[in-house]
C-alpha atoms as a PDB file:
ATOM      1  CA  MET A   1     -13.943  -5.266  -9.624  1.00  0.00           C
ATOM      2  CA  VAL A   2     -11.356  -4.311  -6.686  1.00  0.00           C
ATOM      3  CA  GLN A   3     -11.953  -2.604  -4.355  1.00  0.00           C
ATOM      4  CA  ARG A   4     -10.349   0.655  -2.925  1.00  0.00           C
ATOM      5  CA  GLU A   5      -9.770  -1.455   0.505  1.00  0.00           C
ATOM      6  CA  ILE A   6      -8.229  -4.201  -0.978  1.00  0.00           C
ATOM      7  CA  LEU A   7      -5.392  -2.255  -1.333  1.00  0.00           C
ATOM      8  CA  MET A   8      -4.449  -2.131   2.373  1.00  0.00           C
ATOM      9  CA  ASP A   9      -3.535  -5.752   1.317  1.00  0.00           C
ATOM     10  CA  TRP A  10      -1.460  -5.744  -1.281  1.00  0.00           C
ATOM     11  CA  VAL A  11       0.241  -2.574   0.123  1.00  0.00           C
ATOM     12  CA  VAL A  12       1.241  -4.734   2.653  1.00  0.00           C
ATOM     13  CA  ASP A  13       2.647  -7.635   0.674  1.00  0.00           C
ATOM     14  CA  ALA A  14       3.813  -5.340  -1.339  1.00  0.00           C
ATOM     15  CA  LEU A  15       6.045  -4.095   1.927  1.00  0.00           C
ATOM     16  CA  LYS A  16       7.000  -7.732   2.789  1.00  0.00           C
ATOM     17  CA  ALA A  17       8.178  -8.398  -0.242  1.00  0.00           C
ATOM     18  CA  TYR A  18      10.375  -5.763   0.362  1.00  0.00           C
ATOM     19  CA  GLY A  19      11.458  -6.872   3.773  1.00  0.00           C
ATOM     20  CA  GLY A  20       8.832  -4.605   5.815  1.00  0.00           C
ATOM     21  CA  ARG A  21      10.003  -0.949   4.673  1.00  0.00           C
ATOM     22  CA  ALA A  22       9.990   0.317   1.070  1.00  0.00           C
ATOM     23  CA  ARG A  23       9.755   3.767  -0.958  1.00  0.00           C
ATOM     24  CA  VAL A  24       6.090   4.283  -2.271  1.00  0.00           C
ATOM     25  CA  VAL A  25       7.174   4.511  -5.977  1.00  0.00           C
ATOM     26  CA  ASP A  26       8.362   0.824  -4.639  1.00  0.00           C
ATOM     27  CA  VAL A  27       4.802  -0.222  -3.389  1.00  0.00           C
ATOM     28  CA  CYS A  28       3.012   1.335  -6.517  1.00  0.00           C
ATOM     29  CA  LYS A  29       5.640  -0.988  -8.671  1.00  0.00           C
ATOM     30  CA  HIS A  30       5.190  -4.213  -7.009  1.00  0.00           C
ATOM     31  CA  ILE A  31       0.980  -3.618  -6.769  1.00  0.00           C
ATOM     32  CA  TRP A  32       1.168  -2.944 -10.637  1.00  0.00           C
ATOM     33  CA  GLN A  33       3.217  -6.135 -11.516  1.00  0.00           C
ATOM     34  CA  HIS A  34       1.398  -8.197  -9.812  1.00  0.00           C
ATOM     35  CA  HIS A  35      -1.723  -6.907 -10.147  1.00  0.00           C
ATOM     36  CA  GLU A  36      -2.016  -5.405 -13.619  1.00  0.00           C
ATOM     37  CA  THR A  37      -5.079  -7.025 -15.082  1.00  0.00           C
ATOM     38  CA  ASP A  38      -6.694  -6.487 -11.811  1.00  0.00           C
ATOM     39  CA  LEU A  39      -6.396  -2.226 -12.132  1.00  0.00           C
ATOM     40  CA  ARG A  40      -6.824  -2.608 -16.001  1.00  0.00           C
ATOM     41  CA  LEU A  41     -10.452  -3.874 -15.032  1.00  0.00           C
ATOM     42  CA  SER A  42     -11.104  -1.518 -11.661  1.00  0.00           C
ATOM     43  CA  GLY A  43     -13.487   0.660 -13.274  1.00  0.00           C
ATOM     44  CA  ASP A  44     -12.643   4.393 -12.146  1.00  0.00           C
ATOM     45  CA  LEU A  45     -10.399   2.743  -9.491  1.00  0.00           C
ATOM     46  CA  PHE A  46      -7.957   2.180 -12.804  1.00  0.00           C
ATOM     47  CA  TYR A  47      -7.467   6.436 -12.595  1.00  0.00           C
ATOM     48  CA  THR A  48      -6.549   6.984  -9.380  1.00  0.00           C
ATOM     49  CA  TRP A  49      -5.920   3.824  -7.275  1.00  0.00           C
ATOM     50  CA  GLN A  50      -1.999   5.789  -6.867  1.00  0.00           C
ATOM     51  CA  TYR A  51      -3.761   8.150  -5.034  1.00  0.00           C
ATOM     52  CA  GLU A  52      -6.088   4.786  -3.430  1.00  0.00           C
ATOM     53  CA  VAL A  53      -2.716   3.306  -2.330  1.00  0.00           C
ATOM     54  CA  ARG A  54      -1.839   5.996  -0.340  1.00  0.00           C
ATOM     55  CA  TRP A  55      -5.294   6.459   1.243  1.00  0.00           C
ATOM     56  CA  ALA A  56      -4.861   2.891   1.770  1.00  0.00           C
ATOM     57  CA  GLY A  57      -0.983   3.942   3.572  1.00  0.00           C
ATOM     58  CA  GLN A  58      -2.874   5.837   5.878  1.00  0.00           C
ATOM     59  CA  ARG A  59      -5.348   3.514   6.385  1.00  0.00           C
ATOM     60  CA  LEU A  60      -3.016   1.267   7.530  1.00  0.00           C
ATOM     61  CA  ARG A  61      -1.022   3.545   9.592  1.00  0.00           C
ATOM     62  CA  ASP A  62      -4.192   5.166  12.040  1.00  0.00           C
ATOM     63  CA  SER A  63      -4.629   1.036  12.307  1.00  0.00           C
ATOM     64  CA  GLY A  64      -1.022   0.463  13.349  1.00  0.00           C
ATOM     65  CA  ARG A  65      -0.146  -2.093  10.631  1.00  0.00           C
ATOM     66  CA  LEU A  66       2.200   0.688   9.249  1.00  0.00           C
ATOM     67  CA  LYS A  67       4.821   2.753  11.574  1.00  0.00           C
ATOM     68  CA  ARG A  68       3.647   6.353  11.935  1.00  0.00           C
ATOM     69  CA  VAL A  69       5.911   8.980   9.780  1.00  0.00           C
ATOM     70  CA  PHE A  70       6.012  12.236  11.852  1.00  0.00           C
ATOM     71  CA  GLN A  71       7.134  15.746  10.370  1.00  0.00           C
ATOM     72  CA  ASP A  72       8.853  13.250   6.740  1.00  0.00           C
ATOM     73  CA  ARG A  73       6.415  12.300   4.876  1.00  0.00           C
ATOM     74  CA  SER A  74       9.612  11.859   2.717  1.00  0.00           C
ATOM     75  CA  GLN A  75      10.334   8.112   4.799  1.00  0.00           C
ATOM     76  CA  PRO A  76       9.841   5.129   3.328  1.00  0.00           C
ATOM     77  CA  TRP A  77       6.971   3.406   4.750  1.00  0.00           C
ATOM     78  CA  GLN A  78       7.425   0.989   7.162  1.00  0.00           C
ATOM     79  CA  LEU A  79       5.547  -2.024   8.380  1.00  0.00           C
ATOM     80  CA  GLY A  80       4.279  -1.618  11.753  1.00  0.00           C
ATOM     81  CA  ASP A  81       4.534  -4.234  15.170  1.00  0.00           C
ATOM     82  CA  SER A  82       1.145  -5.543  14.722  1.00  0.00           C
ATOM     83  CA  PRO A  83       0.683  -8.874  14.461  1.00  0.00           C
ATOM     84  CA  ALA A  84      -1.379  -8.071  11.376  1.00  0.00           C
ATOM     85  CA  ASN A  85       1.563  -8.019   9.497  1.00  0.00           C
ATOM     86  CA  SER A  86       2.777 -11.601  10.535  1.00  0.00           C
END
């Protein structure tokens, strides 16, 4: 069963697929296209995964893996300069 923590890896993978920067909706589309079966089999997470993707984005920002956005949450998500993103 998929745990919410794996979503952080999936977000990073999606951003890498888009060249390091993408809108949240595109991140979610990428995750759905590549992990639909996993999500469908994830129990309650199936009903909350798009919310959990935003949780993952915040955790990634807190760790420096995503760049912070100040005053404008409509900005695309962008990978930070963390070596973990390489």
